[in-house]
Amino acid sequence: VFVLALRDAASAAWSLCGVAAIVIVADSRIATVLRRAPSV
């Protein structure tokens, strides 16, 4: 299972686990989660 996350879901997708891979299309709101490493 893969995830394609667009702007409004970008920050939530950064923290997802249990999927094989994620592609995120983001705006500057993604900056709030960049301190953490994604788990996938």
ModelCIF file with pLDDT and N, C-alpha, C, O atoms, coordinates in Angstrom:
data_MODEL
#
_entry.id   MODEL 
#
_entity.id                         1 
_entity.type                       polymer 
_entity.pdbx_number_of_molecules   1 
#
_entity_poly.entity_id                      1 
_entity_poly.type                           'polypeptide(L)' 
_entity_poly.nstd_linkage                   no 
_entity_poly.nstd_monomer                   no 
_entity_poly.pdbx_seq_one_letter_code       VFVLALRDAASAAWSLCGVAAIVIVADSRIATVLRRAPSV 
_entity_poly.pdbx_seq_one_letter_code_can   VFVLALRDAASAAWSLCGVAAIVIVADSRIATVLRRAPSV 
_entity_poly.pdbx_strand_id                 A 
#
loop_
_entity_poly_seq.entity_id 
_entity_poly_seq.num 
_entity_poly_seq.mon_id 
_entity_poly_seq.hetero 
1 1  VAL n 
1 2  PHE n 
1 3  VAL n 
1 4  LEU n 
1 5  ALA n 
1 6  LEU n 
1 7  ARG n 
1 8  ASP n 
1 9  ALA n 
1 10 ALA n 
1 11 SER n 
1 12 ALA n 
1 13 ALA n 
1 14 TRP n 
1 15 SER n 
1 16 LEU n 
1 17 CYS n 
1 18 GLY n 
1 19 VAL n 
1 20 ALA n 
1 21 ALA n 
1 22 ILE n 
1 23 VAL n 
1 24 ILE n 
1 25 VAL n 
1 26 ALA n 
1 27 ASP n 
1 28 SER n 
1 29 ARG n 
1 30 ILE n 
1 31 ALA n 
1 32 THR n 
1 33 VAL n 
1 34 LEU n 
1 35 ARG n 
1 36 ARG n 
1 37 ALA n 
1 38 PRO n 
1 39 SER n 
1 40 VAL n 
#
_struct_asym.id          A 
_struct_asym.entity_id   1 
#
loop_
_ma_qa_metric.id 
_ma_qa_metric.mode 
_ma_qa_metric.name 
_ma_qa_metric.software_group_id 
_ma_qa_metric.type 
1 global pLDDT . pLDDT 
2 local  pLDDT . pLDDT 
#
_ma_qa_metric_global.metric_id      1 
_ma_qa_metric_global.metric_value   93.10 
_ma_qa_metric_global.model_id       1 
_ma_qa_metric_global.ordinal_id     1 
#
loop_
_ma_qa_metric_local.label_asym_id 
_ma_qa_metric_local.label_comp_id 
_ma_qa_metric_local.label_seq_id 
_ma_qa_metric_local.metric_id 
_ma_qa_metric_local.metric_value 
_ma_qa_metric_local.model_id 
_ma_qa_metric_local.ordinal_id 
A VAL 1  2 93.00 1 1  
A PHE 2  2 96.00 1 2  
A VAL 3  2 96.00 1 3  
A LEU 4  2 96.00 1 4  
A ALA 5  2 96.00 1 5  
A LEU 6  2 94.00 1 6  
A ARG 7  2 89.00 1 7  
A ASP 8  2 91.00 1 8  
A ALA 9  2 93.00 1 9  
A ALA 10 2 93.00 1 10 
A SER 11 2 92.00 1 11 
A ALA 12 2 92.00 1 12 
A ALA 13 2 93.00 1 13 
A TRP 14 2 93.00 1 14 
A SER 15 2 91.00 1 15 
A LEU 16 2 92.00 1 16 
A CYS 17 2 90.00 1 17 
A GLY 18 2 90.00 1 18 
A VAL 19 2 93.00 1 19 
A ALA 20 2 95.00 1 20 
A ALA 21 2 96.00 1 21 
A ILE 22 2 97.00 1 22 
A VAL 23 2 97.00 1 23 
A ILE 24 2 97.00 1 24 
A VAL 25 2 96.00 1 25 
A ALA 26 2 95.00 1 26 
A ASP 27 2 93.00 1 27 
A SER 28 2 92.00 1 28 
A ARG 29 2 93.00 1 29 
A ILE 30 2 93.00 1 30 
A ALA 31 2 92.00 1 31 
A THR 32 2 92.00 1 32 
A VAL 33 2 93.00 1 33 
A LEU 34 2 90.00 1 34 
A ARG 35 2 89.00 1 35 
A ARG 36 2 91.00 1 36 
A ALA 37 2 92.00 1 37 
A PRO 38 2 93.00 1 38 
A SER 39 2 91.00 1 39 
A VAL 40 2 94.00 1 40 
#
loop_
_atom_site.group_PDB 
_atom_site.id 
_atom_site.type_symbol 
_atom_site.label_atom_id 
_atom_site.label_alt_id 
_atom_site.label_comp_id 
_atom_site.label_asym_id 
_atom_site.label_entity_id 
_atom_site.label_seq_id 
_atom_site.pdbx_PDB_ins_code 
_atom_site.Cartn_x 
_atom_site.Cartn_y 
_atom_site.Cartn_z 
_atom_site.occupancy 
_atom_site.B_iso_or_equiv 
_atom_site.pdbx_formal_charge 
_atom_site.auth_seq_id 
_atom_site.auth_comp_id 
_atom_site.auth_asym_id 
_atom_site.auth_atom_id 
_atom_site.pdbx_PDB_model_num 
ATOM 1   N N  . VAL A 1 1  ? 0.849  -1.189 0.000  1.00 93.00 ? 1  VAL A N  1 
ATOM 2   C CA . VAL A 1 1  ? 0.000  0.000  0.000  1.00 93.00 ? 1  VAL A CA 1 
ATOM 3   C C  . VAL A 1 1  ? 0.889  1.245  0.000  1.00 93.00 ? 1  VAL A C  1 
ATOM 4   O O  . VAL A 1 1  ? 1.855  1.343  0.757  1.00 93.00 ? 1  VAL A O  1 
ATOM 5   N N  . PHE A 1 2  ? 0.537  2.179  -0.861 1.00 96.00 ? 2  PHE A N  1 
ATOM 6   C CA . PHE A 1 2  ? 1.267  3.427  -1.020 1.00 96.00 ? 2  PHE A CA 1 
ATOM 7   C C  . PHE A 1 2  ? 0.324  4.588  -0.747 1.00 96.00 ? 2  PHE A C  1 
ATOM 8   O O  . PHE A 1 2  ? -0.896 4.420  -0.732 1.00 96.00 ? 2  PHE A O  1 
ATOM 9   N N  . VAL A 1 3  ? 0.894  5.763  -0.531 1.00 96.00 ? 3  VAL A N  1 
ATOM 10  C CA . VAL A 1 3  ? 0.092  6.962  -0.279 1.00 96.00 ? 3  VAL A CA 1 
ATOM 11  C C  . VAL A 1 3  ? 0.594  8.087  -1.170 1.00 96.00 ? 3  VAL A C  1 
ATOM 12  O O  . VAL A 1 3  ? 1.798  8.304  -1.312 1.00 96.00 ? 3  VAL A O  1 
ATOM 13  N N  . LEU A 1 4  ? -0.356 8.797  -1.766 1.00 96.00 ? 4  LEU A N  1 
ATOM 14  C CA . LEU A 1 4  ? -0.095 10.051 -2.454 1.00 96.00 ? 4  LEU A CA 1 
ATOM 15  C C  . LEU A 1 4  ? -0.859 11.105 -1.669 1.00 96.00 ? 4  LEU A C  1 
ATOM 16  O O  . LEU A 1 4  ? -2.090 11.104 -1.653 1.00 96.00 ? 4  LEU A O  1 
ATOM 17  N N  . ALA A 1 5  ? -0.129 12.003 -1.017 1.00 96.00 ? 5  ALA A N  1 
ATOM 18  C CA . ALA A 1 5  ? -0.751 13.024 -0.173 1.00 96.00 ? 5  ALA A CA 1 
ATOM 19  C C  . ALA A 1 5  ? -0.553 14.395 -0.796 1.00 96.00 ? 5  ALA A C  1 
ATOM 20  O O  . ALA A 1 5  ? 0.563  14.785 -1.140 1.00 96.00 ? 5  ALA A O  1 
ATOM 21  N N  . LEU A 1 6  ? -1.648 15.111 -0.932 1.00 94.00 ? 6  LEU A N  1 
ATOM 22  C CA . LEU A 1 6  ? -1.599 16.459 -1.483 1.00 94.00 ? 6  LEU A CA 1 
ATOM 23  C C  . LEU A 1 6  ? -1.734 17.470 -0.359 1.00 94.00 ? 6  LEU A C  1 
ATOM 24  O O  . LEU A 1 6  ? -2.191 17.142 0.736  1.00 94.00 ? 6  LEU A O  1 
ATOM 25  N N  . ARG A 1 7  ? -1.342 18.672 -0.631 1.00 89.00 ? 7  ARG A N  1 
ATOM 26  C CA . ARG A 1 7  ? -1.189 19.789 0.299  1.00 89.00 ? 7  ARG A CA 1 
ATOM 27  C C  . ARG A 1 7  ? -1.849 19.671 1.667  1.00 89.00 ? 7  ARG A C  1 
ATOM 28  O O  . ARG A 1 7  ? -1.145 19.650 2.677  1.00 89.00 ? 7  ARG A O  1 
ATOM 29  N N  . ASP A 1 8  ? -3.166 19.593 1.736  1.00 91.00 ? 8  ASP A N  1 
ATOM 30  C CA . ASP A 1 8  ? -3.855 19.601 3.032  1.00 91.00 ? 8  ASP A CA 1 
ATOM 31  C C  . ASP A 1 8  ? -3.551 18.363 3.873  1.00 91.00 ? 8  ASP A C  1 
ATOM 32  O O  . ASP A 1 8  ? -3.700 18.400 5.094  1.00 91.00 ? 8  ASP A O  1 
ATOM 33  N N  . ALA A 1 9  ? -3.132 17.282 3.248  1.00 93.00 ? 9  ALA A N  1 
ATOM 34  C CA . ALA A 1 9  ? -2.826 16.048 3.971  1.00 93.00 ? 9  ALA A CA 1 
ATOM 35  C C  . ALA A 1 9  ? -1.329 15.809 4.105  1.00 93.00 ? 9  ALA A C  1 
ATOM 36  O O  . ALA A 1 9  ? -0.915 14.787 4.651  1.00 93.00 ? 9  ALA A O  1 
ATOM 37  N N  . ALA A 1 10 ? -0.514 16.733 3.617  1.00 93.00 ? 10 ALA A N  1 
ATOM 38  C CA . ALA A 1 10 ? 0.940  16.538 3.568  1.00 93.00 ? 10 ALA A CA 1 
ATOM 39  C C  . ALA A 1 10 ? 1.549  16.329 4.945  1.00 93.00 ? 10 ALA A C  1 
ATOM 40  O O  . ALA A 1 10 ? 2.317  15.386 5.134  1.00 93.00 ? 10 ALA A O  1 
ATOM 41  N N  . SER A 1 11 ? 1.229  17.175 5.902  1.00 92.00 ? 11 SER A N  1 
ATOM 42  C CA . SER A 1 11 ? 1.838  17.068 7.234  1.00 92.00 ? 11 SER A CA 1 
ATOM 43  C C  . SER A 1 11 ? 1.432  15.780 7.928  1.00 92.00 ? 11 SER A C  1 
ATOM 44  O O  . SER A 1 11 ? 2.258  15.147 8.585  1.00 92.00 ? 11 SER A O  1 
ATOM 45  N N  . ALA A 1 12 ? 0.172  15.381 7.793  1.00 92.00 ? 12 ALA A N  1 
ATOM 46  C CA . ALA A 1 12 ? -0.285 14.122 8.401  1.00 92.00 ? 12 ALA A CA 1 
ATOM 47  C C  . ALA A 1 12 ? 0.410  12.923 7.748  1.00 92.00 ? 12 ALA A C  1 
ATOM 48  O O  . ALA A 1 12 ? 0.771  11.963 8.429  1.00 92.00 ? 12 ALA A O  1 
ATOM 49  N N  . ALA A 1 13 ? 0.594  12.983 6.435  1.00 93.00 ? 13 ALA A N  1 
ATOM 50  C CA . ALA A 1 13 ? 1.220  11.865 5.725  1.00 93.00 ? 13 ALA A CA 1 
ATOM 51  C C  . ALA A 1 13 ? 2.676  11.684 6.125  1.00 93.00 ? 13 ALA A C  1 
ATOM 52  O O  . ALA A 1 13 ? 3.180  10.561 6.113  1.00 93.00 ? 13 ALA A O  1 
ATOM 53  N N  . TRP A 1 14 ? 3.359  12.761 6.477  1.00 93.00 ? 14 TRP A N  1 
ATOM 54  C CA . TRP A 1 14 ? 4.765  12.690 6.876  1.00 93.00 ? 14 TRP A CA 1 
ATOM 55  C C  . TRP A 1 14 ? 4.955  11.719 8.034  1.00 93.00 ? 14 TRP A C  1 
ATOM 56  O O  . TRP A 1 14 ? 6.005  11.086 8.140  1.00 93.00 ? 14 TRP A O  1 
ATOM 57  N N  . SER A 1 15 ? 3.963  11.595 8.897  1.00 91.00 ? 15 SER A N  1 
ATOM 58  C CA . SER A 1 15 ? 4.069  10.758 10.090 1.00 91.00 ? 15 SER A CA 1 
ATOM 59  C C  . SER A 1 15 ? 3.452  9.379  9.928  1.00 91.00 ? 15 SER A C  1 
ATOM 60  O O  . SER A 1 15 ? 3.442  8.604  10.885 1.00 91.00 ? 15 SER A O  1 
ATOM 61  N N  . LEU A 1 16 ? 2.940  9.047  8.756  1.00 92.00 ? 16 LEU A N  1 
ATOM 62  C CA . LEU A 1 16 ? 2.299  7.748  8.562  1.00 92.00 ? 16 LEU A CA 1 
ATOM 63  C C  . LEU A 1 16 ? 3.300  6.610  8.695  1.00 92.00 ? 16 LEU A C  1 
ATOM 64  O O  . LEU A 1 16 ? 4.482  6.753  8.382  1.00 92.00 ? 16 LEU A O  1 
ATOM 65  N N  . CYS A 1 17 ? 2.800  5.495  9.162  1.00 90.00 ? 17 CYS A N  1 
ATOM 66  C CA . CYS A 1 17 ? 3.600  4.270  9.158  1.00 90.00 ? 17 CYS A CA 1 
ATOM 67  C C  . CYS A 1 17 ? 2.685  3.152  8.676  1.00 90.00 ? 17 CYS A C  1 
ATOM 68  O O  . CYS A 1 17 ? 1.472  3.338  8.578  1.00 90.00 ? 17 CYS A O  1 
ATOM 69  N N  . GLY A 1 18 ? 3.253  2.011  8.380  1.00 90.00 ? 18 GLY A N  1 
ATOM 70  C CA . GLY A 1 18 ? 2.456  0.882  7.934  1.00 90.00 ? 18 GLY A CA 1 
ATOM 71  C C  . GLY A 1 18 ? 2.139  0.872  6.449  1.00 90.00 ? 18 GLY A C  1 
ATOM 72  O O  . GLY A 1 18 ? 1.326  0.063  6.001  1.00 90.00 ? 18 GLY A O  1 
ATOM 73  N N  . VAL A 1 19 ? 2.760  1.747  5.679  1.00 93.00 ? 19 VAL A N  1 
ATOM 74  C CA . VAL A 1 19 ? 2.619  1.729  4.227  1.00 93.00 ? 19 VAL A CA 1 
ATOM 75  C C  . VAL A 1 19 ? 4.005  1.529  3.631  1.00 93.00 ? 19 VAL A C  1 
ATOM 76  O O  . VAL A 1 19 ? 5.015  1.705  4.312  1.00 93.00 ? 19 VAL A O  1 
ATOM 77  N N  . ALA A 1 20 ? 4.045  1.158  2.354  1.00 95.00 ? 20 ALA A N  1 
ATOM 78  C CA . ALA A 1 20 ? 5.335  0.866  1.720  1.00 95.00 ? 20 ALA A CA 1 
ATOM 79  C C  . ALA A 1 20 ? 6.117  2.123  1.366  1.00 95.00 ? 20 ALA A C  1 
ATOM 80  O O  . ALA A 1 20 ? 7.340  2.151  1.504  1.00 95.00 ? 20 ALA A O  1 
ATOM 81  N N  . ALA A 1 21 ? 5.423  3.164  0.910  1.00 96.00 ? 21 ALA A N  1 
ATOM 82  C CA . ALA A 1 21 ? 6.085  4.411  0.515  1.00 96.00 ? 21 ALA A CA 1 
ATOM 83  C C  . ALA A 1 21 ? 5.053  5.511  0.340  1.00 96.00 ? 21 ALA A C  1 
ATOM 84  O O  . ALA A 1 21 ? 3.865  5.250  0.152  1.00 96.00 ? 21 ALA A O  1 
ATOM 85  N N  . ILE A 1 22 ? 5.535  6.756  0.408  1.00 97.00 ? 22 ILE A N  1 
ATOM 86  C CA . ILE A 1 22 ? 4.652  7.919  0.320  1.00 97.00 ? 22 ILE A CA 1 
ATOM 87  C C  . ILE A 1 22 ? 5.254  8.941  -0.638 1.00 97.00 ? 22 ILE A C  1 
ATOM 88  O O  . ILE A 1 22 ? 6.463  9.172  -0.642 1.00 97.00 ? 22 ILE A O  1 
ATOM 89  N N  . VAL A 1 23 ? 4.395  9.543  -1.444 1.00 97.00 ? 23 VAL A N  1 
ATOM 90  C CA . VAL A 1 23 ? 4.757  10.713 -2.238 1.00 97.00 ? 23 VAL A CA 1 
ATOM 91  C C  . VAL A 1 23 ? 3.904  11.857 -1.707 1.00 97.00 ? 23 VAL A C  1 
ATOM 92  O O  . VAL A 1 23 ? 2.682  11.743 -1.607 1.00 97.00 ? 23 VAL A O  1 
ATOM 93  N N  . ILE A 1 24 ? 4.561  12.954 -1.369 1.00 97.00 ? 24 ILE A N  1 
ATOM 94  C CA . ILE A 1 24 ? 3.874  14.105 -0.785 1.00 97.00 ? 24 ILE A CA 1 
ATOM 95  C C  . ILE A 1 24 ? 4.077  15.319 -1.677 1.00 97.00 ? 24 ILE A C  1 
ATOM 96  O O  . ILE A 1 24 ? 5.198  15.624 -2.084 1.00 97.00 ? 24 ILE A O  1 
ATOM 97  N N  . VAL A 1 25 ? 2.983  16.008 -1.976 1.00 96.00 ? 25 VAL A N  1 
ATOM 98  C CA . VAL A 1 25 ? 3.029  17.295 -2.646 1.00 96.00 ? 25 VAL A CA 1 
ATOM 99  C C  . VAL A 1 25 ? 2.643  18.316 -1.590 1.00 96.00 ? 25 VAL A C  1 
ATOM 100 O O  . VAL A 1 25 ? 1.526  18.286 -1.074 1.00 96.00 ? 25 VAL A O  1 
ATOM 101 N N  . ALA A 1 26 ? 3.571  19.230 -1.261 1.00 95.00 ? 26 ALA A N  1 
ATOM 102 C CA . ALA A 1 26 ? 3.360  20.095 -0.104 1.00 95.00 ? 26 ALA A CA 1 
ATOM 103 C C  . ALA A 1 26 ? 3.630  21.553 -0.404 1.00 95.00 ? 26 ALA A C  1 
ATOM 104 O O  . ALA A 1 26 ? 4.317  21.910 -1.361 1.00 95.00 ? 26 ALA A O  1 
ATOM 105 N N  . ASP A 1 27 ? 3.061  22.377 0.455  1.00 93.00 ? 27 ASP A N  1 
ATOM 106 C CA . ASP A 1 27 ? 3.388  23.793 0.461  1.00 93.00 ? 27 ASP A CA 1 
ATOM 107 C C  . ASP A 1 27 ? 4.209  24.050 1.726  1.00 93.00 ? 27 ASP A C  1 
ATOM 108 O O  . ASP A 1 27 ? 4.686  23.101 2.347  1.00 93.00 ? 27 ASP A O  1 
ATOM 109 N N  . SER A 1 28 ? 4.379  25.287 2.108  1.00 92.00 ? 28 SER A N  1 
ATOM 110 C CA . SER A 1 28 ? 5.257  25.608 3.238  1.00 92.00 ? 28 SER A CA 1 
ATOM 111 C C  . SER A 1 28 ? 4.763  25.089 4.583  1.00 92.00 ? 28 SER A C  1 
ATOM 112 O O  . SER A 1 28 ? 5.531  25.083 5.545  1.00 92.00 ? 28 SER A O  1 
ATOM 113 N N  . ARG A 1 29 ? 3.502  24.652 4.684  1.00 93.00 ? 29 ARG A N  1 
ATOM 114 C CA . ARG A 1 29 ? 3.006  24.104 5.953  1.00 93.00 ? 29 ARG A CA 1 
ATOM 115 C C  . ARG A 1 29 ? 3.753  22.844 6.371  1.00 93.00 ? 29 ARG A C  1 
ATOM 116 O O  . ARG A 1 29 ? 3.728  22.482 7.548  1.00 93.00 ? 29 ARG A O  1 
ATOM 117 N N  . ILE A 1 30 ? 4.411  22.174 5.445  1.00 93.00 ? 30 ILE A N  1 
ATOM 118 C CA . ILE A 1 30 ? 5.154  20.958 5.767  1.00 93.00 ? 30 ILE A CA 1 
ATOM 119 C C  . ILE A 1 30 ? 6.309  21.243 6.722  1.00 93.00 ? 30 ILE A C  1 
ATOM 120 O O  . ILE A 1 30 ? 6.787  20.332 7.399  1.00 93.00 ? 30 ILE A O  1 
ATOM 121 N N  . ALA A 1 31 ? 6.756  22.476 6.785  1.00 92.00 ? 31 ALA A N  1 
ATOM 122 C CA . ALA A 1 31 ? 7.893  22.837 7.649  1.00 92.00 ? 31 ALA A CA 1 
ATOM 123 C C  . ALA A 1 31 ? 7.650  22.474 9.105  1.00 92.00 ? 31 ALA A C  1 
ATOM 124 O O  . ALA A 1 31 ? 8.608  22.254 9.847  1.00 92.00 ? 31 ALA A O  1 
ATOM 125 N N  . THR A 1 32 ? 6.397  22.406 9.532  1.00 92.00 ? 32 THR A N  1 
ATOM 126 C CA . THR A 1 32 ? 6.088  22.117 10.936 1.00 92.00 ? 32 THR A CA 1 
ATOM 127 C C  . THR A 1 32 ? 6.454  20.699 11.349 1.00 92.00 ? 32 THR A C  1 
ATOM 128 O O  . THR A 1 32 ? 6.577  20.430 12.544 1.00 92.00 ? 32 THR A O  1 
ATOM 129 N N  . VAL A 1 33 ? 6.632  19.791 10.411 1.00 93.00 ? 33 VAL A N  1 
ATOM 130 C CA . VAL A 1 33 ? 6.911  18.388 10.766 1.00 93.00 ? 33 VAL A CA 1 
ATOM 131 C C  . VAL A 1 33 ? 8.305  17.918 10.368 1.00 93.00 ? 33 VAL A C  1 
ATOM 132 O O  . VAL A 1 33 ? 8.659  16.766 10.616 1.00 93.00 ? 33 VAL A O  1 
ATOM 133 N N  . LEU A 1 34 ? 9.088  18.776 9.765  1.00 90.00 ? 34 LEU A N  1 
ATOM 134 C CA . LEU A 1 34 ? 10.365 18.338 9.196  1.00 90.00 ? 34 LEU A CA 1 
ATOM 135 C C  . LEU A 1 34 ? 11.430 17.968 10.219 1.00 90.00 ? 34 LEU A C  1 
ATOM 136 O O  . LEU A 1 34 ? 12.445 17.375 9.855  1.00 90.00 ? 34 LEU A O  1 
ATOM 137 N N  . ARG A 1 35 ? 11.225 18.298 11.470 1.00 89.00 ? 35 ARG A N  1 
ATOM 138 C CA . ARG A 1 35 ? 12.222 17.914 12.487 1.00 89.00 ? 35 ARG A CA 1 
ATOM 139 C C  . ARG A 1 35 ? 12.250 16.408 12.696 1.00 89.00 ? 35 ARG A C  1 
ATOM 140 O O  . ARG A 1 35 ? 13.287 15.832 13.025 1.00 89.00 ? 35 ARG A O  1 
ATOM 141 N N  . ARG A 1 36 ? 11.103 15.782 12.502 1.00 91.00 ? 36 ARG A N  1 
ATOM 142 C CA . ARG A 1 36 ? 11.014 14.322 12.652 1.00 91.00 ? 36 ARG A CA 1 
ATOM 143 C C  . ARG A 1 36 ? 11.353 13.644 11.334 1.00 91.00 ? 36 ARG A C  1 
ATOM 144 O O  . ARG A 1 36 ? 11.042 14.154 10.258 1.00 91.00 ? 36 ARG A O  1 
ATOM 145 N N  . ALA A 1 37 ? 11.986 12.503 11.435 1.00 92.00 ? 37 ALA A N  1 
ATOM 146 C CA . ALA A 1 37 ? 12.242 11.705 10.244 1.00 92.00 ? 37 ALA A CA 1 
ATOM 147 C C  . ALA A 1 37 ? 10.998 10.876 9.952  1.00 92.00 ? 37 ALA A C  1 
ATOM 148 O O  . ALA A 1 37 ? 10.380 10.351 10.878 1.00 92.00 ? 37 ALA A O  1 
ATOM 149 N N  . PRO A 1 38 ? 10.622 10.750 8.688  1.00 93.00 ? 38 PRO A N  1 
ATOM 150 C CA . PRO A 1 38 ? 9.481  9.892  8.372  1.00 93.00 ? 38 PRO A CA 1 
ATOM 151 C C  . PRO A 1 38 ? 9.835  8.434  8.647  1.00 93.00 ? 38 PRO A C  1 
ATOM 152 O O  . PRO A 1 38 ? 11.004 8.052  8.601  1.00 93.00 ? 38 PRO A O  1 
ATOM 153 N N  . SER A 1 39 ? 8.820  7.625  8.932  1.00 91.00 ? 39 SER A N  1 
ATOM 154 C CA . SER A 1 39 ? 9.084  6.223  9.258  1.00 91.00 ? 39 SER A CA 1 
ATOM 155 C C  . SER A 1 39 ? 9.043  5.313  8.041  1.00 91.00 ? 39 SER A C  1 
ATOM 156 O O  . SER A 1 39 ? 9.371  4.132  8.148  1.00 91.00 ? 39 SER A O  1 
ATOM 157 N N  . VAL A 1 40 ? 8.651  5.831  6.896  1.00 94.00 ? 40 VAL A N  1 
ATOM 158 C CA . VAL A 1 40 ? 8.643  5.064  5.649  1.00 94.00 ? 40 VAL A CA 1 
ATOM 159 C C  . VAL A 1 40 ? 9.301  5.910  4.555  1.00 94.00 ? 40 VAL A C  1 
ATOM 160 O O  . VAL A 1 40 ? 9.408  5.467  3.412  1.00 94.00 ? 40 VAL A O  1 
#
